[in-house]
């Protein structure tokens, strides 16, 4: 059944419920190993295919040609190795100075344009004032000429006003010249101020950039210290966890080897008591080779013409047919000493019914029931506070617990007797102590042993 699961990479949820935690972990490890093996095969095939596949350039594809040096290899320039190369700090500083100078020039230009606009506005206002004053004088002159045109005194007054107007025009021209000179002087001063402002602003911007850079570097350094401390703490915890895991794995290997040694010693002792020709030795027997085991299993059943069956039973009747055709003749469920049905044997009962039978029993109480979900049996075992269920797989070689590297027994009774002294798992130390029998009449296994009658109808 394990080989079929690894082949399909699928296990029925109902079968999974029948497994205990250790069997589930074994199954998970085996399925993961099979996945890794398949993945490696796929990767090797893919790499071989890519290696053998000829490379054909795509139509219109671009190609890059690198310059080669004196040694014939690609010419590479590494920043900072040449004497004239600048460091990253110097490059950043130059870039900051350039940006600060550009920003200062922009601000100075904007300030100059603003000052020139104000000066131009002031000159226009002065010209407009002078023009208004000239118009007012001309208007007064015309009025006086109209009033005193015929009189001598009026003509003298007009001459006097005309002289005043000429004097005013000269003063206006002089004032305009002074304004022009003042504009030139202010423009020159504005240019000088612009250069001063530009230098001052450039220095201010650069200093501010340096302060921000120092602050960022300081924050980055503090964050780096925090991250480094956190990393060291995590690394320390990881090393402690790895050390603990290695210790647990080493302890588990020692316990597993010790369990195998005790198991092999017990098997040798049993063979010696049964009259085996080979006396037990101090060293454990050499385990059989896997290829020899598969060959032996093939040779042991050369005429096996049984029809292929599904991975799991579909219904109750299929389990009964399987027990009649394959298990009944093997004496499964019988006590080999008396030839009668063993006390611990039960029929096709559910997990819940088995737990009810074991509910009021002590630690070590057990029963063996025919599973309705797999082609095999389930050993229900009572612990102190809970009930465990171990799946027994039936193969051509015999009976074993579900999983890899399990001891194979010739009969179901041999498996039960073996685990009366040897624990089922190293971690749980489950030993089969007290067999729990029938409480119902007729017993729940009667349908497995009663003669089956075939009903025929005449057509």
Protein backbone atom coordinates (compact mmCIF):
# COMPACT_ATOMS: atom_id res chain seq x y z
CA UNK A 1 0.00 0.00 0.00
CA UNK A 2 2.90 2.39 0.73
CA UNK A 3 4.32 1.83 -2.75
CA UNK A 4 0.93 2.56 -4.30
CA UNK A 5 0.60 5.80 -2.28
CA UNK A 6 4.09 6.90 -3.31
CA UNK A 7 3.28 6.06 -6.92
CA UNK A 8 0.04 8.09 -6.94
CA UNK A 9 1.29 10.71 -4.39
CA UNK A 10 -2.18 10.60 -2.86
CA UNK A 11 -3.69 9.05 0.25
CA UNK A 12 -7.37 8.80 0.98
CA UNK A 13 -8.45 11.07 3.88
CA UNK A 14 -10.23 8.17 5.59
CA UNK A 15 -7.06 6.07 5.46
CA UNK A 16 -5.09 9.01 6.83
CA UNK A 17 -7.43 9.16 9.85
CA UNK A 18 -6.51 5.56 10.70
CA UNK A 19 -2.81 6.41 11.07
CA UNK A 20 -1.26 7.58 14.30
CA UNK A 21 1.06 10.61 14.49
CA UNK A 22 4.28 8.62 14.03
CA UNK A 23 2.92 6.79 10.99
CA UNK A 24 1.75 10.13 9.54
CA UNK A 25 5.24 11.58 10.00
CA UNK A 26 6.82 8.54 8.35
CA UNK A 27 4.40 8.84 5.45
CA UNK A 28 5.13 12.56 5.09
CA UNK A 29 8.90 11.93 5.04
CA UNK A 30 8.58 9.20 2.42
CA UNK A 31 6.31 11.31 0.20
CA UNK A 32 8.70 14.24 0.53
CA UNK A 33 11.68 12.05 -0.40
CA UNK A 34 9.76 10.80 -3.43
CA UNK A 35 8.96 14.38 -4.47
CA UNK A 36 12.62 15.39 -4.16
CA UNK A 37 13.70 12.33 -6.16
CA UNK A 38 11.25 13.11 -8.96
CA UNK A 39 12.25 16.76 -8.96
CA UNK A 40 15.94 15.88 -9.27
CA UNK A 41 15.19 13.54 -12.17
CA UNK A 42 13.19 16.27 -13.92
CA UNK A 43 16.00 18.79 -13.34
CA UNK A 44 18.64 16.42 -14.70
CA UNK A 45 16.54 15.65 -17.78
CA UNK A 46 15.87 19.35 -18.35
CA UNK A 47 19.54 20.30 -18.02
CA UNK A 48 20.53 17.51 -20.38
CA UNK A 49 17.91 18.68 -22.88
CA UNK A 50 19.17 22.26 -22.68
CA UNK A 51 22.77 21.10 -23.06
CA UNK A 52 22.00 19.08 -26.18
CA UNK A 53 19.67 21.67 -27.68
CA UNK A 54 21.44 23.75 -30.37
CA UNK A 55 21.33 27.47 -29.80
CA UNK A 56 19.74 29.32 -32.65
CA UNK A 57 19.75 33.12 -32.65
CA UNK A 58 16.36 34.73 -32.99
CA UNK A 59 15.70 36.76 -36.15
CA UNK A 60 16.42 40.40 -35.51
CA UNK A 61 17.96 39.69 -32.11
CA UNK A 62 20.44 42.23 -30.80
CA UNK A 63 23.97 41.24 -29.96
CA UNK A 64 26.35 42.94 -27.55
CA UNK A 65 30.07 43.01 -28.27
CA UNK A 66 32.39 43.96 -25.43
CA UNK A 67 35.70 45.68 -25.86
CA UNK A 68 38.66 43.47 -25.13
CA UNK A 69 41.83 44.37 -23.33
CA UNK A 70 45.44 43.40 -23.94
CA UNK A 71 44.86 40.02 -22.28
CA UNK A 72 42.04 39.22 -24.72
CA UNK A 73 39.31 39.34 -22.04
CA UNK A 74 36.52 41.84 -21.74
CA UNK A 75 37.75 45.31 -20.78
CA UNK A 76 36.41 46.23 -17.35
CA UNK A 77 36.71 49.54 -15.53
CA UNK A 78 36.26 49.39 -11.79
CA UNK A 79 35.34 52.71 -10.26
CA UNK A 80 37.87 53.89 -7.69
CA UNK A 81 40.85 51.80 -8.80
CA UNK A 82 42.43 54.53 -11.00
CA UNK A 83 44.41 57.36 -9.43
CA UNK A 84 42.23 60.03 -11.02
CA UNK A 85 38.98 58.37 -9.92
CA UNK A 86 37.00 60.06 -7.20
CA UNK A 87 35.47 58.33 -4.25
CA UNK A 88 31.73 58.12 -3.89
CA UNK A 89 31.87 60.74 -1.10
CA UNK A 90 33.77 63.15 -3.34
CA UNK A 91 31.35 62.56 -6.21
CA UNK A 92 28.38 63.20 -3.97
CA UNK A 93 30.00 66.33 -2.55
CA UNK A 94 30.68 67.73 -6.02
CA UNK A 95 27.16 66.96 -7.09
CA UNK A 96 25.79 68.70 -4.00
CA UNK A 97 27.96 71.78 -4.66
CA UNK A 98 26.82 71.91 -8.27
CA UNK A 99 23.15 71.67 -7.30
CA UNK A 100 23.61 74.29 -4.54
CA UNK A 101 25.28 76.68 -6.99
CA UNK A 102 22.55 76.17 -9.60
CA UNK A 103 19.83 76.76 -7.01
CA UNK A 104 21.63 79.91 -5.72
CA UNK A 105 21.94 81.27 -9.28
CA UNK A 106 18.25 80.72 -9.85
CA UNK A 107 17.33 82.50 -6.63
CA UNK A 108 19.73 85.43 -7.36
CA UNK A 109 18.33 85.83 -10.88
CA UNK A 110 14.80 85.92 -9.53
CA UNK A 111 15.85 88.56 -6.96
CA UNK A 112 17.51 90.71 -9.66
CA UNK A 113 14.45 90.54 -11.91
CA UNK A 114 12.30 91.57 -8.97
CA UNK A 115 14.55 94.59 -8.15
CA UNK A 116 14.68 95.69 -11.82
CA UNK A 117 10.92 95.47 -12.01
CA UNK A 118 10.58 97.70 -8.95
CA UNK A 119 13.11 100.22 -10.37
CA UNK A 120 11.33 100.32 -13.72
CA UNK A 121 8.04 100.88 -11.97
CA UNK A 122 9.56 103.77 -9.96
CA UNK A 123 10.95 105.46 -13.10
CA UNK A 124 7.61 105.17 -14.89
CA UNK A 125 5.84 106.74 -11.94
CA UNK A 126 8.37 109.65 -11.90
CA UNK A 127 7.96 110.25 -15.64
CA UNK A 128 4.20 110.23 -15.31
CA UNK A 129 4.35 112.77 -12.45
CA UNK A 130 6.59 115.10 -14.43
CA UNK A 131 4.37 114.82 -17.49
CA UNK A 132 1.31 115.71 -15.42
CA UNK A 133 3.11 118.71 -13.92
CA UNK A 134 4.13 119.93 -17.42
CA UNK A 135 0.59 119.65 -18.68
CA UNK A 136 -0.65 121.63 -15.69
CA UNK A 137 1.86 124.47 -16.34
CA UNK A 138 0.94 124.62 -20.03
CA UNK A 139 -2.72 124.82 -19.14
CA UNK A 140 -2.10 127.71 -16.74
CA UNK A 141 -0.04 129.48 -19.39
CA UNK A 142 -2.79 129.26 -21.96
CA UNK A 143 -5.35 130.58 -19.52
CA UNK A 144 -3.20 133.60 -18.64
CA UNK A 145 -2.49 134.29 -22.34
CA UNK A 146 -6.20 134.35 -23.06
CA UNK A 147 -6.93 136.76 -20.23
CA UNK A 148 -4.06 139.24 -20.71
CA UNK A 149 -3.45 138.96 -24.41
CA UNK A 150 -3.83 142.68 -25.26
CA UNK A 151 -2.08 144.23 -22.31
CA UNK A 152 1.60 144.95 -22.07
CA UNK A 153 1.69 143.57 -18.62
CA UNK A 154 0.15 140.34 -19.85
CA UNK A 155 2.77 139.96 -22.53
CA UNK A 156 5.46 140.37 -19.96
CA UNK A 157 3.76 137.78 -17.77
CA UNK A 158 3.58 135.40 -20.71
CA UNK A 159 7.28 135.85 -21.42
CA UNK A 160 8.02 135.19 -17.81
CA UNK A 161 5.87 132.03 -17.85
CA UNK A 162 7.57 130.90 -21.06
CA UNK A 163 10.94 131.35 -19.42
CA UNK A 164 9.76 129.33 -16.43
CA UNK A 165 8.53 126.59 -18.76
CA UNK A 166 11.92 126.41 -20.47
CA UNK A 167 13.63 126.27 -17.12
CA UNK A 168 11.26 123.47 -16.10
CA UNK A 169 11.95 121.50 -19.26
CA UNK A 170 15.68 121.74 -18.67
CA UNK A 171 15.17 120.63 -15.08
CA UNK A 172 13.05 117.71 -16.35
CA UNK A 173 15.72 116.64 -18.81
CA UNK A 174 18.29 116.82 -16.03
CA UNK A 175 16.02 114.79 -13.76
CA UNK A 176 15.53 112.13 -16.46
CA UNK A 177 19.30 111.93 -16.95
CA UNK A 178 19.77 111.50 -13.20
CA UNK A 179 17.13 108.75 -13.19
CA UNK A 180 18.91 106.99 -16.06
CA UNK A 181 22.21 107.19 -14.23
CA UNK A 182 20.55 105.96 -11.05
CA UNK A 183 19.03 103.05 -12.98
CA UNK A 184 22.45 102.13 -14.34
CA UNK A 185 23.97 102.40 -10.88
CA UNK A 186 21.19 100.31 -9.33
CA UNK A 187 21.54 97.67 -12.06
CA UNK A 188 25.27 97.43 -11.40
CA UNK A 189 24.59 97.20 -7.69
CA UNK A 190 21.96 94.54 -8.36
CA UNK A 191 24.50 92.46 -10.28
CA UNK A 192 26.99 92.78 -7.44
CA UNK A 193 24.27 91.83 -4.96
CA UNK A 194 23.31 88.88 -7.11
CA UNK A 195 26.84 87.50 -7.02
CA UNK A 196 27.00 88.00 -3.27
CA UNK A 197 23.60 86.42 -2.71
CA UNK A 198 24.51 83.57 -5.02
CA UNK A 199 27.68 82.78 -3.08
CA UNK A 200 25.94 83.13 0.27
CA UNK A 201 22.93 80.99 -0.78
CA UNK A 202 25.21 78.38 -2.36
CA UNK A 203 27.11 78.07 0.90
CA UNK A 204 23.89 77.92 2.93
CA UNK A 205 22.35 75.25 0.68
CA UNK A 206 25.54 73.18 0.71
CA UNK A 207 25.84 73.41 4.51
CA UNK A 208 22.22 72.39 4.90
CA UNK A 209 22.79 69.45 2.58
CA UNK A 210 25.81 68.34 4.63
CA UNK A 211 23.79 68.53 7.84
CA UNK A 212 21.01 66.45 6.28
CA UNK A 213 23.56 63.96 4.98
CA UNK A 214 25.17 63.64 8.40
CA UNK A 215 21.76 63.17 10.00
CA UNK A 216 20.80 60.50 7.44
CA UNK A 217 24.14 58.72 7.95
CA UNK A 218 23.64 58.81 11.70
CA UNK A 219 20.12 57.38 11.42
CA UNK A 220 21.35 54.70 9.00
CA UNK A 221 24.15 53.78 11.39
CA UNK A 222 21.73 53.49 14.32
CA UNK A 223 19.32 51.40 12.22
CA UNK A 224 22.23 49.20 11.11
CA UNK A 225 23.23 48.62 14.75
CA UNK A 226 19.65 47.62 15.62
CA UNK A 227 19.43 45.27 12.62
CA UNK A 228 22.83 43.76 13.43
CA UNK A 229 21.86 43.18 17.05
CA UNK A 230 18.59 41.58 15.94
CA UNK A 231 20.43 39.41 13.43
CA UNK A 232 22.94 38.25 16.03
CA UNK A 233 20.10 37.40 18.41
CA UNK A 234 18.29 35.42 15.72
CA UNK A 235 21.53 33.71 14.72
CA UNK A 236 22.14 32.75 18.34
CA UNK A 237 18.63 31.32 18.69
CA UNK A 238 19.00 29.48 15.38
CA UNK A 239 22.29 27.91 16.51
CA UNK A 240 20.73 26.86 19.80
CA UNK A 241 17.74 25.35 17.95
CA UNK A 242 20.06 23.51 15.54
CA UNK A 243 22.12 22.20 18.43
CA UNK A 244 19.00 21.01 20.22
CA UNK A 245 17.70 19.40 17.02
CA UNK A 246 21.01 17.60 16.46
CA UNK A 247 20.94 16.38 20.05
CA UNK A 248 17.39 15.07 19.63
CA UNK A 249 18.26 13.41 16.31
CA UNK A 250 21.32 11.77 17.85
CA UNK A 251 19.24 10.56 20.79
CA UNK A 252 16.59 9.21 18.43
CA UNK A 253 19.23 7.37 16.37
CA UNK A 254 20.68 5.82 19.50
CA UNK A 255 17.23 4.73 20.68
CA UNK A 256 16.40 3.37 17.23
CA UNK A 257 19.65 1.37 17.06
CA UNK A 258 19.05 0.10 20.59
CA UNK A 259 15.51 -0.94 19.65
CA UNK A 260 16.80 -2.74 16.54
CA UNK A 261 19.43 -4.48 18.62
CA UNK A 262 16.84 -5.66 21.15
CA UNK A 263 14.51 -6.73 18.35
CA UNK A 264 17.23 -8.71 16.58
CA UNK A 265 18.28 -10.33 19.84
CA UNK A 266 14.70 -11.36 20.55
CA UNK A 267 14.29 -12.75 17.04
CA UNK A 268 17.50 -14.76 17.42
CA UNK A 269 16.37 -16.01 20.81
CA UNK A 270 12.99 -17.04 19.40
CA UNK A 271 14.61 -18.91 16.53
CA UNK A 272 16.95 -20.62 18.95
CA UNK A 273 14.02 -21.83 21.08
CA UNK A 274 12.21 -23.03 17.96
CA UNK A 275 15.14 -25.32 17.14
CA UNK A 276 16.96 -23.20 14.64
CA UNK A 277 20.11 -24.74 13.27
CA UNK A 278 22.08 -21.56 13.60
CA UNK A 279 22.82 -20.63 17.24
CA UNK A 280 22.34 -17.02 18.28
CA UNK A 281 25.41 -14.84 18.18
CA UNK A 282 26.28 -11.69 19.99
CA UNK A 283 26.19 -9.70 16.74
CA UNK A 284 22.81 -8.88 15.17
CA UNK A 285 22.01 -10.63 11.88
CA UNK A 286 22.72 -8.83 8.64
CA UNK A 287 19.51 -7.25 7.33
CA UNK A 288 18.31 -8.61 3.97
CA UNK A 289 19.08 -6.66 0.85
CA UNK A 290 16.18 -4.78 -0.69
CA UNK A 291 16.73 -6.23 -4.16
CA UNK A 292 16.92 -9.73 -2.66
CA UNK A 293 13.72 -9.14 -0.66
CA UNK A 294 11.87 -8.03 -3.79
CA UNK A 295 13.27 -11.06 -5.65
CA UNK A 296 12.29 -13.39 -2.83
CA UNK A 297 8.78 -11.97 -2.71
CA UNK A 298 8.52 -12.48 -6.46
CA UNK A 299 9.72 -16.06 -6.20
CA UNK A 300 7.52 -16.85 -3.24
CA UNK A 301 4.35 -16.08 -5.18
CA UNK A 302 5.06 -16.99 -8.80
CA UNK A 303 1.56 -18.20 -9.52
CA UNK A 304 -0.27 -15.32 -7.95
CA UNK A 305 -3.11 -14.79 -10.37
CA UNK A 306 -5.32 -12.74 -8.09
CA UNK A 307 -7.22 -9.99 -9.81
CA UNK A 308 -5.96 -6.45 -9.23
CA UNK A 309 -7.96 -4.81 -6.50
CA UNK A 310 -8.56 -1.12 -5.81
CA UNK A 311 -6.42 0.86 -3.40
CA UNK A 312 -9.08 0.62 -0.69
CA UNK A 313 -12.34 -1.34 -0.19
CA UNK A 314 -15.43 0.24 -1.66
CA UNK A 315 -17.95 -1.28 0.71
CA UNK A 316 -18.52 -3.68 3.60
CA UNK A 317 -19.06 -6.74 1.42
CA UNK A 318 -15.72 -6.29 -0.36
CA UNK A 319 -13.94 -6.53 3.01
CA UNK A 320 -15.78 -9.76 3.84
CA UNK A 321 -14.95 -11.26 0.43
CA UNK A 322 -11.30 -10.28 0.89
CA UNK A 323 -11.13 -11.90 4.35
CA UNK A 324 -12.76 -15.12 3.02
CA UNK A 325 -10.54 -15.37 -0.04
CA UNK A 326 -7.16 -14.35 1.42
CA UNK A 327 -7.11 -14.20 5.22
CA UNK A 328 -9.28 -17.04 6.45
CA UNK A 329 -7.06 -19.77 5.01
CA UNK A 330 -4.01 -18.13 6.63
CA UNK A 331 -5.61 -18.46 10.06
CA UNK A 332 -5.82 -14.73 10.66
CA UNK A 333 -7.61 -13.98 13.91
CA UNK A 334 -7.00 -17.47 15.35
CA UNK A 335 -4.91 -18.46 18.33
CA UNK A 336 -2.18 -20.76 16.91
CA UNK A 337 -1.98 -22.72 20.17
CA UNK A 338 -5.68 -23.58 20.50
CA UNK A 339 -6.87 -23.11 16.92
CA UNK A 340 -9.80 -21.01 18.20
CA UNK A 341 -10.55 -17.38 17.59
CA UNK A 342 -8.21 -15.18 19.63
CA UNK A 343 -9.60 -13.05 22.45
CA UNK A 344 -8.21 -9.85 20.95
CA UNK A 345 -9.74 -10.41 17.50
CA UNK A 346 -12.80 -8.39 16.45
CA UNK A 347 -14.71 -8.06 13.23
CA UNK A 348 -15.44 -5.04 11.08
CA UNK A 349 -16.13 -2.48 13.79
CA UNK A 350 -15.64 1.25 13.63
CA UNK A 351 -13.05 3.39 15.38
CA UNK A 352 -15.68 4.76 17.76
CA UNK A 353 -16.92 1.28 18.73
CA UNK A 354 -13.33 0.20 19.46
CA UNK A 355 -12.75 3.23 21.69
CA UNK A 356 -15.97 2.43 23.61
CA UNK A 357 -14.72 -1.11 24.27
CA UNK A 358 -11.42 0.23 25.59
CA UNK A 359 -12.84 3.22 27.48
CA UNK A 360 -12.96 1.64 30.96
CA UNK A 361 -9.74 -0.39 30.57
CA UNK A 362 -6.28 0.37 31.85
CA UNK A 363 -3.11 1.29 29.98
CA UNK A 364 -2.03 -1.53 27.66
CA UNK A 365 -5.49 -2.80 26.81
CA UNK A 366 -5.85 -3.54 23.10
CA UNK A 367 -7.92 -5.22 20.42
CA UNK A 368 -7.41 -6.03 16.74
CA UNK A 369 -10.20 -5.14 14.31
CA UNK A 370 -10.65 -5.66 10.61
CA UNK A 371 -10.37 -2.32 8.87
CA UNK A 372 -13.11 -1.24 6.49
CA UNK A 373 -10.94 1.43 4.95
CA UNK A 374 -7.79 -0.51 3.99
CA UNK A 375 -6.90 -4.08 3.08
CA UNK A 376 -5.66 -4.96 6.55
CA UNK A 377 -6.25 -4.54 10.25
CA UNK A 378 -6.07 -1.89 12.96
CA UNK A 379 -4.70 -2.36 16.47
CA UNK A 380 -6.57 -0.09 18.88
CA UNK A 381 -4.48 0.60 21.97
CA UNK A 382 -5.60 2.28 25.22
CA UNK A 383 -3.27 4.76 26.88
CA UNK A 384 -3.79 6.70 30.08
CA UNK A 385 -5.84 9.53 28.64
CA UNK A 386 -6.50 8.55 25.04
CA UNK A 387 -6.76 5.74 22.52
CA UNK A 388 -4.26 5.10 19.71
CA UNK A 389 -4.88 3.26 16.45
CA UNK A 390 -2.06 1.54 14.52
CA UNK A 391 -2.64 0.43 10.94
CA UNK A 392 -1.42 -3.09 10.01
CA UNK A 393 -0.65 -3.59 6.34
CA UNK A 394 -0.97 -7.01 4.67
CA UNK A 395 1.57 -7.88 1.98
CA UNK A 396 2.72 -11.01 0.19
CA UNK A 397 5.58 -11.30 2.70
CA UNK A 398 3.41 -11.04 5.80
CA UNK A 399 2.06 -8.49 8.25
CA UNK A 400 3.68 -5.22 9.30
CA UNK A 401 2.80 -1.80 10.59
CA UNK A 402 2.25 0.86 7.97
CA UNK A 403 5.53 2.55 7.06
CA UNK A 404 9.07 1.75 6.00
CA UNK A 405 11.73 -0.39 7.77
CA UNK A 406 9.10 -2.29 9.75
CA UNK A 407 9.51 -5.85 11.06
CA UNK A 408 7.53 -8.27 8.86
CA UNK A 409 5.72 -11.12 10.64
CA UNK A 410 4.39 -14.31 9.12
CA UNK A 411 1.01 -14.09 10.82
CA UNK A 412 -1.21 -11.63 12.62
CA UNK A 413 -0.89 -13.56 15.88
CA UNK A 414 2.92 -13.45 15.63
CA UNK A 415 2.79 -9.65 15.27
CA UNK A 416 0.56 -9.36 18.35
CA UNK A 417 2.72 -11.68 20.47
CA UNK A 418 5.89 -9.90 19.37
CA UNK A 419 4.63 -6.53 20.60
CA UNK A 420 3.63 -7.87 23.97
CA UNK A 421 7.30 -7.55 24.92
CA UNK A 422 8.62 -5.09 22.31
CA UNK A 423 7.10 -1.60 22.19
CA UNK A 424 5.34 -0.57 18.99
CA UNK A 425 7.07 2.84 18.91
CA UNK A 426 10.19 4.08 20.68
CA UNK A 427 8.60 7.32 21.80
CA UNK A 428 5.34 5.85 23.09
CA UNK A 429 6.63 2.51 24.48
CA UNK A 430 3.27 0.85 23.70
CA UNK A 431 3.19 -2.81 24.80
CA UNK A 432 0.15 -5.03 24.25
CA UNK A 433 -0.75 -6.13 27.77
CA UNK A 434 -4.48 -6.87 28.13
CA UNK A 435 -6.57 -8.28 25.29
CA UNK A 436 -10.15 -6.98 25.22
CA UNK A 437 -12.66 -9.54 23.96
CA UNK A 438 -16.33 -9.63 22.92
CA UNK A 439 -19.22 -8.14 24.88
CA UNK A 440 -21.96 -8.73 22.30
CA UNK A 441 -23.82 -11.91 21.39
CA UNK A 442 -23.39 -12.99 18.63
CA UNK A 443 -19.80 -11.73 18.44
CA UNK A 444 -18.94 -9.02 15.94
CA UNK A 445 -16.71 -11.36 13.90
CA UNK A 446 -19.39 -13.98 13.15
CA UNK A 447 -19.98 -12.71 9.60
CA UNK A 448 -16.31 -13.37 8.81
CA UNK A 449 -16.31 -17.04 9.78
CA UNK A 450 -19.82 -18.26 8.94
CA UNK A 451 -20.29 -20.20 5.74
CA UNK A 452 -21.37 -18.05 2.84
CA UNK A 453 -24.17 -19.36 0.66
CA UNK A 454 -24.46 -18.48 -3.00
CA UNK A 455 -28.01 -17.77 -4.11
CA UNK A 456 -28.93 -18.81 -7.64
CA UNK A 457 -32.15 -18.03 -9.48
CA UNK A 458 -33.59 -19.97 -12.33
CA UNK A 459 -34.32 -17.96 -15.42
